[in-house]
């Protein structure tokens, strides 16, 4: 498989890649910059033939898309990652992506617990 074919297969699994990479953020927002840079590194380091890598890639893509589109999720993730980076300043890209996906799962579970039923009479 050529490099171009490999990139195409990977990007087919990341429908939000361009949206995430072209996200415009405040210049002083180093956390968002680092997160997007790690995302870009991670996407092209994935083994396209490994099913578990592809599943994690789909989750990472979903989490970063949620990060750029949901301000509540973004602020909660930023708070979590600030503490995480303070404890582990030299973090590997794969570790960070695992933390982001785990946070997203926990966040979604927590949000489901607090769903309010609004009934119209």
PDB file of N, CA and C in Angstrom:
ATOM      1  N   UNK A   1       0.849  -1.171   0.000  1.00  0.00           N
ATOM      2  CA  UNK A   1       0.000   0.000   0.000  1.00  0.00           C
ATOM      3  C   UNK A   1       0.902   1.245   0.000  1.00  0.00           C
ATOM      4  N   UNK A   2       0.592   2.172  -0.863  1.00  0.00           N
ATOM      5  CA  UNK A   2       1.381   3.395  -0.932  1.00  0.00           C
ATOM      6  C   UNK A   2       1.001   4.332   0.206  1.00  0.00           C
ATOM      7  N   UNK A   3       1.850   5.317   0.403  1.00  0.00           N
ATOM      8  CA  UNK A   3       1.605   6.284   1.476  1.00  0.00           C
ATOM      9  C   UNK A   3       0.304   7.048   1.236  1.00  0.00           C
ATOM     10  N   UNK A   4       0.039   7.390  -0.007  1.00  0.00           N
ATOM     11  CA  UNK A   4      -1.176   8.136  -0.338  1.00  0.00           C
ATOM     12  C   UNK A   4      -2.426   7.288  -0.087  1.00  0.00           C
ATOM     13  N   UNK A   5      -2.391   6.014  -0.438  1.00  0.00           N
ATOM     14  CA  UNK A   5      -3.523   5.117  -0.185  1.00  0.00           C
ATOM     15  C   UNK A   5      -3.750   4.955   1.309  1.00  0.00           C
ATOM     16  N   UNK A   6      -2.659   4.821   2.067  1.00  0.00           N
ATOM     17  CA  UNK A   6      -2.755   4.677   3.521  1.00  0.00           C
ATOM     18  C   UNK A   6      -3.400   5.922   4.132  1.00  0.00           C
ATOM     19  N   UNK A   7      -2.953   7.110   3.705  1.00  0.00           N
ATOM     20  CA  UNK A   7      -3.522   8.349   4.212  1.00  0.00           C
ATOM     21  C   UNK A   7      -5.001   8.459   3.875  1.00  0.00           C
ATOM     22  N   UNK A   8      -5.367   8.055   2.672  1.00  0.00           N
ATOM     23  CA  UNK A   8      -6.774   8.104   2.265  1.00  0.00           C
ATOM     24  C   UNK A   8      -7.623   7.178   3.128  1.00  0.00           C
ATOM     25  N   UNK A   9      -7.126   5.972   3.388  1.00  0.00           N
ATOM     26  CA  UNK A   9      -7.870   5.032   4.242  1.00  0.00           C
ATOM     27  C   UNK A   9      -8.026   5.574   5.656  1.00  0.00           C
ATOM     28  N   UNK A  10      -6.973   6.200   6.171  1.00  0.00           N
ATOM     29  CA  UNK A  10      -7.042   6.770   7.518  1.00  0.00           C
ATOM     30  C   UNK A  10      -8.034   7.924   7.558  1.00  0.00           C
ATOM     31  N   UNK A  11      -7.964   8.812   6.578  1.00  0.00           N
ATOM     32  CA  UNK A  11      -8.862   9.969   6.562  1.00  0.00           C
ATOM     33  C   UNK A  11     -10.311   9.568   6.319  1.00  0.00           C
ATOM     34  N   UNK A  12     -10.535   8.420   5.676  1.00  0.00           N
ATOM     35  CA  UNK A  12     -11.894   7.914   5.530  1.00  0.00           C
ATOM     36  C   UNK A  12     -12.491   7.554   6.885  1.00  0.00           C
ATOM     37  N   UNK A  13     -11.630   7.171   7.838  1.00  0.00           N
ATOM     38  CA  UNK A  13     -12.081   6.830   9.192  1.00  0.00           C
ATOM     39  C   UNK A  13     -12.223   8.069  10.072  1.00  0.00           C
ATOM     40  N   UNK A  14     -11.741   9.216   9.591  1.00  0.00           N
ATOM     41  CA  UNK A  14     -11.788  10.470  10.349  1.00  0.00           C
ATOM     42  C   UNK A  14     -12.540  11.525   9.557  1.00  0.00           C
ATOM     43  N   UNK A  15     -13.850  11.452   9.525  1.00  0.00           N
ATOM     44  CA  UNK A  15     -14.604  12.409   8.704  1.00  0.00           C
ATOM     45  C   UNK A  15     -14.480  13.857   9.180  1.00  0.00           C
ATOM     46  N   UNK A  16     -14.069  14.065  10.419  1.00  0.00           N
ATOM     47  CA  UNK A  16     -13.964  15.427  10.958  1.00  0.00           C
ATOM     48  C   UNK A  16     -12.534  15.950  10.997  1.00  0.00           C
ATOM     49  N   UNK A  17     -11.619  15.274  10.336  1.00  0.00           N
ATOM     50  CA  UNK A  17     -10.203  15.638  10.410  1.00  0.00           C
ATOM     51  C   UNK A  17      -9.975  17.098  10.002  1.00  0.00           C
ATOM     52  N   UNK A  18     -10.468  17.489   8.851  1.00  0.00           N
ATOM     53  CA  UNK A  18     -10.249  18.862   8.379  1.00  0.00           C
ATOM     54  C   UNK A  18     -10.927  19.885   9.277  1.00  0.00           C
ATOM     55  N   UNK A  19     -12.110  19.565   9.747  1.00  0.00           N
ATOM     56  CA  UNK A  19     -12.840  20.467  10.644  1.00  0.00           C
ATOM     57  C   UNK A  19     -12.041  20.684  11.937  1.00  0.00           C
ATOM     58  N   UNK A  20     -11.456  19.614  12.463  1.00  0.00           N
ATOM     59  CA  UNK A  20     -10.690  19.694  13.706  1.00  0.00           C
ATOM     60  C   UNK A  20      -9.377  20.443  13.480  1.00  0.00           C
ATOM     61  N   UNK A  21      -8.659  20.076  12.421  1.00  0.00           N
ATOM     62  CA  UNK A  21      -7.353  20.690  12.162  1.00  0.00           C
ATOM     63  C   UNK A  21      -7.467  22.156  11.775  1.00  0.00           C
ATOM     64  N   UNK A  22      -8.570  22.561  11.183  1.00  0.00           N
ATOM     65  CA  UNK A  22      -8.759  23.947  10.767  1.00  0.00           C
ATOM     66  C   UNK A  22      -9.531  24.771  11.796  1.00  0.00           C
ATOM     67  N   UNK A  23      -9.765  24.198  12.953  1.00  0.00           N
ATOM     68  CA  UNK A  23     -10.486  24.892  14.013  1.00  0.00           C
ATOM     69  C   UNK A  23      -9.712  26.153  14.417  1.00  0.00           C
ATOM     70  N   UNK A  24     -10.408  27.260  14.489  1.00  0.00           N
ATOM     71  CA  UNK A  24      -9.781  28.525  14.857  1.00  0.00           C
ATOM     72  C   UNK A  24      -9.984  28.735  16.356  1.00  0.00           C
ATOM     73  N   UNK A  25      -8.881  28.862  17.049  1.00  0.00           N
ATOM     74  CA  UNK A  25      -8.918  29.046  18.498  1.00  0.00           C
ATOM     75  C   UNK A  25      -8.096  30.278  18.858  1.00  0.00           C
ATOM     76  N   UNK A  26      -8.257  30.721  20.074  1.00  0.00           N
ATOM     77  CA  UNK A  26      -7.519  31.897  20.554  1.00  0.00           C
ATOM     78  C   UNK A  26      -6.029  31.567  20.567  1.00  0.00           C
ATOM     79  N   UNK A  27      -5.239  32.506  20.108  1.00  0.00           N
ATOM     80  CA  UNK A  27      -3.796  32.275  19.969  1.00  0.00           C
ATOM     81  C   UNK A  27      -3.134  31.879  21.285  1.00  0.00           C
ATOM     82  N   UNK A  28      -3.619  32.380  22.382  1.00  0.00           N
ATOM     83  CA  UNK A  28      -3.013  32.086  23.682  1.00  0.00           C
ATOM     84  C   UNK A  28      -3.510  30.761  24.273  1.00  0.00           C
ATOM     85  N   UNK A  29      -4.388  30.071  23.596  1.00  0.00           N
ATOM     86  CA  UNK A  29      -4.950  28.805  24.087  1.00  0.00           C
ATOM     87  C   UNK A  29      -3.997  27.647  23.745  1.00  0.00           C
ATOM     88  N   UNK A  30      -2.974  27.500  24.567  1.00  0.00           N
ATOM     89  CA  UNK A  30      -1.955  26.472  24.315  1.00  0.00           C
ATOM     90  C   UNK A  30      -2.497  25.061  24.466  1.00  0.00           C
ATOM     91  N   UNK A  31      -3.454  24.881  25.331  1.00  0.00           N
ATOM     92  CA  UNK A  31      -4.013  23.550  25.541  1.00  0.00           C
ATOM     93  C   UNK A  31      -4.713  23.038  24.284  1.00  0.00           C
ATOM     94  N   UNK A  32      -5.521  23.873  23.666  1.00  0.00           N
ATOM     95  CA  UNK A  32      -6.195  23.480  22.433  1.00  0.00           C
ATOM     96  C   UNK A  32      -5.182  23.223  21.332  1.00  0.00           C
ATOM     97  N   UNK A  33      -4.177  24.085  21.237  1.00  0.00           N
ATOM     98  CA  UNK A  33      -3.132  23.894  20.232  1.00  0.00           C
ATOM     99  C   UNK A  33      -2.426  22.553  20.413  1.00  0.00           C
ATOM    100  N   UNK A  34      -2.042  22.259  21.656  1.00  0.00           N
ATOM    101  CA  UNK A  34      -1.364  20.982  21.938  1.00  0.00           C
ATOM    102  C   UNK A  34      -2.259  19.792  21.626  1.00  0.00           C
ATOM    103  N   UNK A  35      -3.522  19.909  21.985  1.00  0.00           N
ATOM    104  CA  UNK A  35      -4.461  18.823  21.754  1.00  0.00           C
ATOM    105  C   UNK A  35      -4.628  18.545  20.256  1.00  0.00           C
ATOM    106  N   UNK A  36      -4.768  19.583  19.469  1.00  0.00           N
ATOM    107  CA  UNK A  36      -4.922  19.408  18.028  1.00  0.00           C
ATOM    108  C   UNK A  36      -3.632  18.884  17.404  1.00  0.00           C
ATOM    109  N   UNK A  37      -2.492  19.346  17.864  1.00  0.00           N
ATOM    110  CA  UNK A  37      -1.213  18.835  17.352  1.00  0.00           C
ATOM    111  C   UNK A  37      -1.057  17.349  17.666  1.00  0.00           C
ATOM    112  N   UNK A  38      -1.396  16.961  18.887  1.00  0.00           N
ATOM    113  CA  UNK A  38      -1.330  15.548  19.259  1.00  0.00           C
ATOM    114  C   UNK A  38      -2.311  14.723  18.420  1.00  0.00           C
ATOM    115  N   UNK A  39      -3.468  15.286  18.165  1.00  0.00           N
ATOM    116  CA  UNK A  39      -4.462  14.610  17.320  1.00  0.00           C
ATOM    117  C   UNK A  39      -3.895  14.363  15.927  1.00  0.00           C
ATOM    118  N   UNK A  40      -3.288  15.382  15.343  1.00  0.00           N
ATOM    119  CA  UNK A  40      -2.718  15.235  14.009  1.00  0.00           C
ATOM    120  C   UNK A  40      -1.620  14.173  13.999  1.00  0.00           C
ATOM    121  N   UNK A  41      -0.775  14.173  15.021  1.00  0.00           N
ATOM    122  CA  UNK A  41       0.282  13.155  15.112  1.00  0.00           C
ATOM    123  C   UNK A  41      -0.315  11.764  15.260  1.00  0.00           C
ATOM    124  N   UNK A  42      -1.340  11.683  16.088  1.00  0.00           N
ATOM    125  CA  UNK A  42      -1.956  10.381  16.361  1.00  0.00           C
ATOM    126  C   UNK A  42      -2.621   9.781  15.121  1.00  0.00           C
ATOM    127  N   UNK A  43      -3.348  10.597  14.390  1.00  0.00           N
ATOM    128  CA  UNK A  43      -4.110  10.101  13.243  1.00  0.00           C
ATOM    129  C   UNK A  43      -3.206   9.355  12.269  1.00  0.00           C
ATOM    130  N   UNK A  44      -2.051   9.914  11.976  1.00  0.00           N
ATOM    131  CA  UNK A  44      -1.197   9.285  10.972  1.00  0.00           C
ATOM    132  C   UNK A  44      -0.197   8.291  11.558  1.00  0.00           C
ATOM    133  N   UNK A  45      -0.278   8.047  12.855  1.00  0.00           N
ATOM    134  CA  UNK A  45       0.560   7.010  13.453  1.00  0.00           C
ATOM    135  C   UNK A  45      -0.223   5.719  13.686  1.00  0.00           C
ATOM    136  N   UNK A  46      -1.506   5.741  13.361  1.00  0.00           N
ATOM    137  CA  UNK A  46      -2.377   4.588  13.585  1.00  0.00           C
ATOM    138  C   UNK A  46      -2.061   3.475  12.586  1.00  0.00           C
ATOM    139  N   UNK A  47      -2.104   2.252  13.080  1.00  0.00           N
ATOM    140  CA  UNK A  47      -1.970   1.083  12.211  1.00  0.00           C
ATOM    141  C   UNK A  47      -3.345   0.825  11.604  1.00  0.00           C
ATOM    142  N   UNK A  48      -3.476   1.091  10.317  1.00  0.00           N
ATOM    143  CA  UNK A  48      -4.772   1.018   9.637  1.00  0.00           C
ATOM    144  C   UNK A  48      -5.318  -0.409   9.580  1.00  0.00           C
ATOM    145  N   UNK A  49      -4.460  -1.396   9.771  1.00  0.00           N
ATOM    146  CA  UNK A  49      -4.894  -2.788   9.699  1.00  0.00           C
ATOM    147  C   UNK A  49      -5.294  -3.361  11.059  1.00  0.00           C
ATOM    148  N   UNK A  50      -5.103  -2.600  12.117  1.00  0.00           N
ATOM    149  CA  UNK A  50      -5.436  -3.066  13.466  1.00  0.00           C
ATOM    150  C   UNK A  50      -6.826  -2.554  13.856  1.00  0.00           C
ATOM    151  N   UNK A  51      -7.730  -3.486  14.093  1.00  0.00           N
ATOM    152  CA  UNK A  51      -9.132  -3.149  14.399  1.00  0.00           C
ATOM    153  C   UNK A  51      -9.247  -2.282  15.655  1.00  0.00           C
ATOM    154  N   UNK A  52      -8.475  -2.596  16.700  1.00  0.00           N
ATOM    155  CA  UNK A  52      -8.567  -1.804  17.936  1.00  0.00           C
ATOM    156  C   UNK A  52      -8.049  -0.384  17.727  1.00  0.00           C
ATOM    157  N   UNK A  53      -7.011  -0.215  16.909  1.00  0.00           N
ATOM    158  CA  UNK A  53      -6.521   1.128  16.590  1.00  0.00           C
ATOM    159  C   UNK A  53      -7.574   1.929  15.835  1.00  0.00           C
ATOM    160  N   UNK A  54      -8.261   1.281  14.916  1.00  0.00           N
ATOM    161  CA  UNK A  54      -9.300   1.956  14.134  1.00  0.00           C
ATOM    162  C   UNK A  54     -10.464   2.357  15.037  1.00  0.00           C
ATOM    163  N   UNK A  55     -10.836   1.478  15.969  1.00  0.00           N
ATOM    164  CA  UNK A  55     -11.921   1.808  16.909  1.00  0.00           C
ATOM    165  C   UNK A  55     -11.541   3.002  17.783  1.00  0.00           C
ATOM    166  N   UNK A  56     -10.295   3.016  18.280  1.00  0.00           N
ATOM    167  CA  UNK A  56      -9.843   4.135  19.099  1.00  0.00           C
ATOM    168  C   UNK A  56      -9.768   5.410  18.260  1.00  0.00           C
ATOM    169  N   UNK A  57      -9.351   5.285  17.012  1.00  0.00           N
ATOM    170  CA  UNK A  57      -9.299   6.439  16.119  1.00  0.00           C
ATOM    171  C   UNK A  57     -10.686   7.048  15.930  1.00  0.00           C
ATOM    172  N   UNK A  58     -11.692   6.210  15.784  1.00  0.00           N
ATOM    173  CA  UNK A  58     -13.065   6.708  15.631  1.00  0.00           C
ATOM    174  C   UNK A  58     -13.511   7.441  16.902  1.00  0.00           C
ATOM    175  N   UNK A  59     -13.164   6.904  18.067  1.00  0.00           N
ATOM    176  CA  UNK A  59     -13.511   7.560  19.329  1.00  0.00           C
ATOM    177  C   UNK A  59     -12.776   8.889  19.496  1.00  0.00           C
ATOM    178  N   UNK A  60     -11.500   8.900  19.126  1.00  0.00           N
ATOM    179  CA  UNK A  60     -10.714  10.135  19.221  1.00  0.00           C
ATOM    180  C   UNK A  60     -11.303  11.197  18.300  1.00  0.00           C
ATOM    181  N   UNK A  61     -11.656  10.791  17.097  1.00  0.00           N
ATOM    182  CA  UNK A  61     -12.248  11.718  16.142  1.00  0.00           C
ATOM    183  C   UNK A  61     -13.557  12.294  16.697  1.00  0.00           C
ATOM    184  N   UNK A  62     -14.370  11.431  17.299  1.00  0.00           N
ATOM    185  CA  UNK A  62     -15.635  11.877  17.889  1.00  0.00           C
ATOM    186  C   UNK A  62     -15.382  12.835  19.059  1.00  0.00           C
ATOM    187  N   UNK A  63     -14.401  12.511  19.894  1.00  0.00           N
ATOM    188  CA  UNK A  63     -14.108  13.339  21.063  1.00  0.00           C
ATOM    189  C   UNK A  63     -13.606  14.722  20.656  1.00  0.00           C
ATOM    190  N   UNK A  64     -12.720  14.784  19.676  1.00  0.00           N
ATOM    191  CA  UNK A  64     -12.199  16.083  19.255  1.00  0.00           C
ATOM    192  C   UNK A  64     -13.257  16.903  18.533  1.00  0.00           C
ATOM    193  N   UNK A  65     -14.138  16.244  17.808  1.00  0.00           N
ATOM    194  CA  UNK A  65     -15.231  16.961  17.163  1.00  0.00           C
ATOM    195  C   UNK A  65     -16.150  17.548  18.229  1.00  0.00           C
ATOM    196  N   UNK A  66     -16.396  16.783  19.283  1.00  0.00           N
ATOM    197  CA  UNK A  66     -17.214  17.269  20.399  1.00  0.00           C
ATOM    198  C   UNK A  66     -16.505  18.421  21.108  1.00  0.00           C
ATOM    199  N   UNK A  67     -15.192  18.328  21.207  1.00  0.00           N
ATOM    200  CA  UNK A  67     -14.394  19.374  21.844  1.00  0.00           C
ATOM    201  C   UNK A  67     -14.552  20.708  21.127  1.00  0.00           C
ATOM    202  N   UNK A  68     -14.553  20.697  19.803  1.00  0.00           N
ATOM    203  CA  UNK A  68     -14.622  21.961  19.071  1.00  0.00           C
ATOM    204  C   UNK A  68     -16.056  22.456  18.876  1.00  0.00           C
ATOM    205  N   UNK A  69     -17.042  21.593  19.122  1.00  0.00           N
ATOM    206  CA  UNK A  69     -18.422  22.015  18.889  1.00  0.00           C
ATOM    207  C   UNK A  69     -19.255  22.189  20.161  1.00  0.00           C
ATOM    208  N   UNK A  70     -18.835  21.634  21.277  1.00  0.00           N
ATOM    209  CA  UNK A  70     -19.592  21.697  22.528  1.00  0.00           C
ATOM    210  C   UNK A  70     -18.764  22.446  23.573  1.00  0.00           C
ATOM    211  N   UNK A  71     -19.158  23.676  23.875  1.00  0.00           N
ATOM    212  CA  UNK A  71     -18.349  24.497  24.784  1.00  0.00           C
ATOM    213  C   UNK A  71     -18.321  23.943  26.212  1.00  0.00           C
ATOM    214  N   UNK A  72     -19.383  23.283  26.656  1.00  0.00           N
ATOM    215  CA  UNK A  72     -19.386  22.687  27.994  1.00  0.00           C
ATOM    216  C   UNK A  72     -18.395  21.537  28.074  1.00  0.00           C
ATOM    217  N   UNK A  73     -18.391  20.691  27.054  1.00  0.00           N
ATOM    218  CA  UNK A  73     -17.434  19.586  27.002  1.00  0.00           C
ATOM    219  C   UNK A  73     -16.010  20.131  26.914  1.00  0.00           C
ATOM    220  N   UNK A  74     -15.812  21.150  26.091  1.00  0.00           N
ATOM    221  CA  UNK A  74     -14.475  21.727  25.916  1.00  0.00           C
ATOM    222  C   UNK A  74     -13.937  22.289  27.231  1.00  0.00           C
ATOM    223  N   UNK A  75     -14.765  23.018  27.963  1.00  0.00           N
ATOM    224  CA  UNK A  75     -14.278  23.588  29.220  1.00  0.00           C
ATOM    225  C   UNK A  75     -14.001  22.500  30.256  1.00  0.00           C
ATOM    226  N   UNK A  76     -14.833  21.462  30.299  1.00  0.00           N
ATOM    227  CA  UNK A  76     -14.588  20.359  31.240  1.00  0.00           C
ATOM    228  C   UNK A  76     -13.314  19.600  30.867  1.00  0.00           C
ATOM    229  N   UNK A  77     -13.119  19.368  29.572  1.00  0.00           N
ATOM    230  CA  UNK A  77     -11.912  18.655  29.127  1.00  0.00           C
ATOM    231  C   UNK A  77     -10.668  19.496  29.375  1.00  0.00           C
ATOM    232  N   UNK A  78     -10.750  20.797  29.139  1.00  0.00           N
ATOM    233  CA  UNK A  78      -9.605  21.666  29.400  1.00  0.00           C
ATOM    234  C   UNK A  78      -9.216  21.641  30.871  1.00  0.00           C
ATOM    235  N   UNK A  79     -10.219  21.687  31.729  1.00  0.00           N
ATOM    236  CA  UNK A  79      -9.944  21.640  33.174  1.00  0.00           C
ATOM    237  C   UNK A  79      -9.271  20.316  33.537  1.00  0.00           C
ATOM    238  N   UNK A  80      -9.800  19.225  33.009  1.00  0.00           N
ATOM    239  CA  UNK A  80      -9.233  17.903  33.284  1.00  0.00           C
ATOM    240  C   UNK A  80      -7.814  17.795  32.740  1.00  0.00           C
ATOM    241  N   UNK A  81      -7.600  18.239  31.511  1.00  0.00           N
ATOM    242  CA  UNK A  81      -6.279  18.113  30.894  1.00  0.00           C
ATOM    243  C   UNK A  81      -5.242  19.024  31.534  1.00  0.00           C
ATOM    244  N   UNK A  82      -5.675  20.170  32.037  1.00  0.00           N
ATOM    245  CA  UNK A  82      -4.739  21.051  32.741  1.00  0.00           C
ATOM    246  C   UNK A  82      -4.174  20.323  33.950  1.00  0.00           C
ATOM    247  N   UNK A  83      -5.043  19.686  34.717  1.00  0.00           N
ATOM    248  CA  UNK A  83      -4.589  18.904  35.871  1.00  0.00           C
ATOM    249  C   UNK A  83      -3.742  17.716  35.425  1.00  0.00           C
ATOM    250  N   UNK A  84      -4.146  17.091  34.340  1.00  0.00           N
ATOM    251  CA  UNK A  84      -3.423  15.918  33.833  1.00  0.00           C
ATOM    252  C   UNK A  84      -2.027  16.306  33.367  1.00  0.00           C
ATOM    253  N   UNK A  85      -1.907  17.413  32.640  1.00  0.00           N
ATOM    254  CA  UNK A  85      -0.595  17.865  32.162  1.00  0.00           C
ATOM    255  C   UNK A  85       0.291  18.308  33.316  1.00  0.00           C
ATOM    256  N   UNK A  86      -0.314  18.858  34.373  1.00  0.00           N
ATOM    257  CA  UNK A  86       0.475  19.249  35.544  1.00  0.00           C
ATOM    258  C   UNK A  86       1.104  18.028  36.195  1.00  0.00           C
ATOM    259  N   UNK A  87       0.370  16.909  36.215  1.00  0.00           N
ATOM    260  CA  UNK A  87       0.882  15.681  36.822  1.00  0.00           C
ATOM    261  C   UNK A  87       1.825  14.924  35.902  1.00  0.00           C
ATOM    262  N   UNK A  88       1.619  15.021  34.592  1.00  0.00           N
ATOM    263  CA  UNK A  88       2.453  14.318  33.619  1.00  0.00           C
ATOM    264  C   UNK A  88       2.803  15.260  32.467  1.00  0.00           C
ATOM    265  N   UNK A  89       3.852  16.068  32.641  1.00  0.00           N
ATOM    266  CA  UNK A  89       4.171  17.048  31.601  1.00  0.00           C
ATOM    267  C   UNK A  89       4.655  16.427  30.287  1.00  0.00           C
ATOM    268  N   UNK A  90       5.341  15.302  30.352  1.00  0.00           N
ATOM    269  CA  UNK A  90       5.834  14.626  29.145  1.00  0.00           C
ATOM    270  C   UNK A  90       4.929  13.457  28.818  1.00  0.00           C
ATOM    271  N   UNK A  91       3.856  13.743  28.124  1.00  0.00           N
ATOM    272  CA  UNK A  91       2.861  12.719  27.846  1.00  0.00           C
ATOM    273  C   UNK A  91       3.000  12.234  26.407  1.00  0.00           C
ATOM    274  N   UNK A  92       2.811  10.950  26.230  1.00  0.00           N
ATOM    275  CA  UNK A  92       2.830  10.373  24.895  1.00  0.00           C
ATOM    276  C   UNK A  92       1.495  10.636  24.210  1.00  0.00           C
ATOM    277  N   UNK A  93       1.532  10.733  22.901  1.00  0.00           N
ATOM    278  CA  UNK A  93       0.322  11.039  22.134  1.00  0.00           C
ATOM    279  C   UNK A  93      -0.758   9.991  22.353  1.00  0.00           C
ATOM    280  N   UNK A  94      -0.378   8.723  22.330  1.00  0.00           N
ATOM    281  CA  UNK A  94      -1.359   7.651  22.507  1.00  0.00           C
ATOM    282  C   UNK A  94      -1.991   7.716  23.893  1.00  0.00           C
ATOM    283  N   UNK A  95      -1.185   8.008  24.909  1.00  0.00           N
ATOM    284  CA  UNK A  95      -1.724   8.149  26.266  1.00  0.00           C
ATOM    285  C   UNK A  95      -2.738   9.274  26.326  1.00  0.00           C
ATOM    286  N   UNK A  96      -2.400  10.392  25.715  1.00  0.00           N
ATOM    287  CA  UNK A  96      -3.299  11.544  25.729  1.00  0.00           C
ATOM    288  C   UNK A  96      -4.612  11.216  25.029  1.00  0.00           C
ATOM    289  N   UNK A  97      -4.544  10.556  23.897  1.00  0.00           N
ATOM    290  CA  UNK A  97      -5.766  10.215  23.162  1.00  0.00           C
ATOM    291  C   UNK A  97      -6.619   9.230  23.965  1.00  0.00           C
ATOM    292  N   UNK A  98      -5.983   8.312  24.669  1.00  0.00           N
ATOM    293  CA  UNK A  98      -6.728   7.406  25.551  1.00  0.00           C
ATOM    294  C   UNK A  98      -7.410   8.181  26.677  1.00  0.00           C
ATOM    295  N   UNK A  99      -6.713   9.146  27.251  1.00  0.00           N
ATOM    296  CA  UNK A  99      -7.296   9.961  28.316  1.00  0.00           C
ATOM    297  C   UNK A  99      -8.488  10.769  27.803  1.00  0.00           C
ATOM    298  N   UNK A 100      -8.354  11.315  26.606  1.00  0.00           N
ATOM    299  CA  UNK A 100      -9.437  12.114  26.031  1.00  0.00           C
ATOM    300  C   UNK A 100     -10.667  11.248  25.791  1.00  0.00           C
ATOM    301  N   UNK A 101     -10.470  10.057  25.238  1.00  0.00           N
ATOM    302  CA  UNK A 101     -11.623   9.185  24.977  1.00  0.00           C
ATOM    303  C   UNK A 101     -12.237   8.690  26.280  1.00  0.00           C
ATOM    304  N   UNK A 102     -11.419   8.370  27.263  1.00  0.00           N
ATOM    305  CA  UNK A 102     -11.959   7.945  28.559  1.00  0.00           C
ATOM    306  C   UNK A 102     -12.742   9.083  29.212  1.00  0.00           C
ATOM    307  N   UNK A 103     -12.221  10.293  29.110  1.00  0.00           N
ATOM    308  CA  UNK A 103     -12.931  11.448  29.664  1.00  0.00           C
ATOM    309  C   UNK A 103     -14.270  11.630  28.959  1.00  0.00           C
ATOM    310  N   UNK A 104     -14.274  11.488  27.626  1.00  0.00           N
ATOM    311  CA  UNK A 104     -15.511  11.662  26.872  1.00  0.00           C
ATOM    312  C   UNK A 104     -16.560  10.637  27.307  1.00  0.00           C
ATOM    313  N   UNK A 105     -16.147   9.387  27.502  1.00  0.00           N
ATOM    314  CA  UNK A 105     -17.092   8.355  27.943  1.00  0.00           C
ATOM    315  C   UNK A 105     -17.667   8.707  29.306  1.00  0.00           C
ATOM    316  N   UNK A 106     -16.802   9.109  30.237  1.00  0.00           N
ATOM    317  CA  UNK A 106     -17.260   9.489  31.576  1.00  0.00           C
ATOM    318  C   UNK A 106     -18.183  10.708  31.523  1.00  0.00           C
ATOM    319  N   UNK A 107     -17.830  11.673  30.704  1.00  0.00           N
ATOM    320  CA  UNK A 107     -18.629  12.892  30.558  1.00  0.00           C
ATOM    321  C   UNK A 107     -20.018  12.564  30.017  1.00  0.00           C
ATOM    322  N   UNK A 108     -20.081  11.730  28.999  1.00  0.00           N
ATOM    323  CA  UNK A 108     -21.374  11.367  28.417  1.00  0.00           C
ATOM    324  C   UNK A 108     -22.229  10.591  29.407  1.00  0.00           C
ATOM    325  N   UNK A 109     -21.608   9.689  30.172  1.00  0.00           N
ATOM    326  CA  UNK A 109     -22.358   8.953  31.193  1.00  0.00           C
ATOM    327  C   UNK A 109     -22.901   9.910  32.250  1.00  0.00           C
ATOM    328  N   UNK A 110     -22.086  10.866  32.641  1.00  0.00           N
ATOM    329  CA  UNK A 110     -22.511  11.831  33.653  1.00  0.00           C
ATOM    330  C   UNK A 110     -23.647  12.706  33.125  1.00  0.00           C
ATOM    331  N   UNK A 111     -23.565  13.098  31.874  1.00  0.00           N
ATOM    332  CA  UNK A 111     -24.624  13.923  31.280  1.00  0.00           C
ATOM    333  C   UNK A 111     -25.930  13.140  31.178  1.00  0.00           C
ATOM    334  N   UNK A 112     -25.857  11.855  30.914  1.00  0.00           N
ATOM    335  CA  UNK A 112     -27.071  11.035  30.844  1.00  0.00           C
ATOM    336  C   UNK A 112     -27.762  10.933  32.195  1.00  0.00           C
ATOM    337  N   UNK A 113     -26.985  10.997  33.263  1.00  0.00           N
ATOM    338  CA  UNK A 113     -27.564  10.936  34.600  1.00  0.00           C
ATOM    339  C   UNK A 113     -28.372  12.190  34.919  1.00  0.00           C
ATOM    340  N   UNK A 114     -28.016  13.296  34.277  1.00  0.00           N
ATOM    341  CA  UNK A 114     -28.635  14.574  34.599  1.00  0.00           C
ATOM    342  C   UNK A 114     -29.611  15.064  33.532  1.00  0.00           C
ATOM    343  N   UNK A 115     -30.103  14.171  32.735  1.00  0.00           N
ATOM    344  CA  UNK A 115     -31.071  14.551  31.703  1.00  0.00           C
ATOM    345  C   UNK A 115     -32.397  14.861  32.387  1.00  0.00           C
ATOM    346  N   UNK A 116     -32.943  15.982  32.026  1.00  0.00           N
ATOM    347  CA  UNK A 116     -34.235  16.357  32.606  1.00  0.00           C
ATOM    348  C   UNK A 116     -35.312  16.169  31.543  1.00  0.00           C
ATOM    349  N   UNK A 117     -36.416  15.707  31.991  1.00  0.00           N
ATOM    350  CA  UNK A 117     -37.538  15.482  31.094  1.00  0.00           C
ATOM    351  C   UNK A 117     -38.391  16.742  31.081  1.00  0.00           C
ATOM    352  N   UNK A 118     -38.495  17.347  29.935  1.00  0.00           N
ATOM    353  CA  UNK A 118     -39.329  18.536  29.821  1.00  0.00           C
ATOM    354  C   UNK A 118     -40.611  18.155  29.085  1.00  0.00           C
ATOM    355  N   UNK A 119     -41.679  18.155  29.807  1.00  0.00           N
ATOM    356  CA  UNK A 119     -42.964  17.784  29.222  1.00  0.00           C
ATOM    357  C   UNK A 119     -43.758  19.035  28.921  1.00  0.00           C
ATOM    358  N   UNK A 120     -44.306  19.057  27.776  1.00  0.00           N
ATOM    359  CA  UNK A 120     -45.204  20.143  27.397  1.00  0.00           C
ATOM    360  C   UNK A 120     -46.634  19.711  27.678  1.00  0.00           C
ATOM    361  N   UNK A 121     -47.331  20.566  28.323  1.00  0.00           N
ATOM    362  CA  UNK A 121     -48.711  20.243  28.664  1.00  0.00           C
ATOM    363  C   UNK A 121     -49.634  20.855  27.654  1.00  0.00           C
TER     364      UNK A 121
END
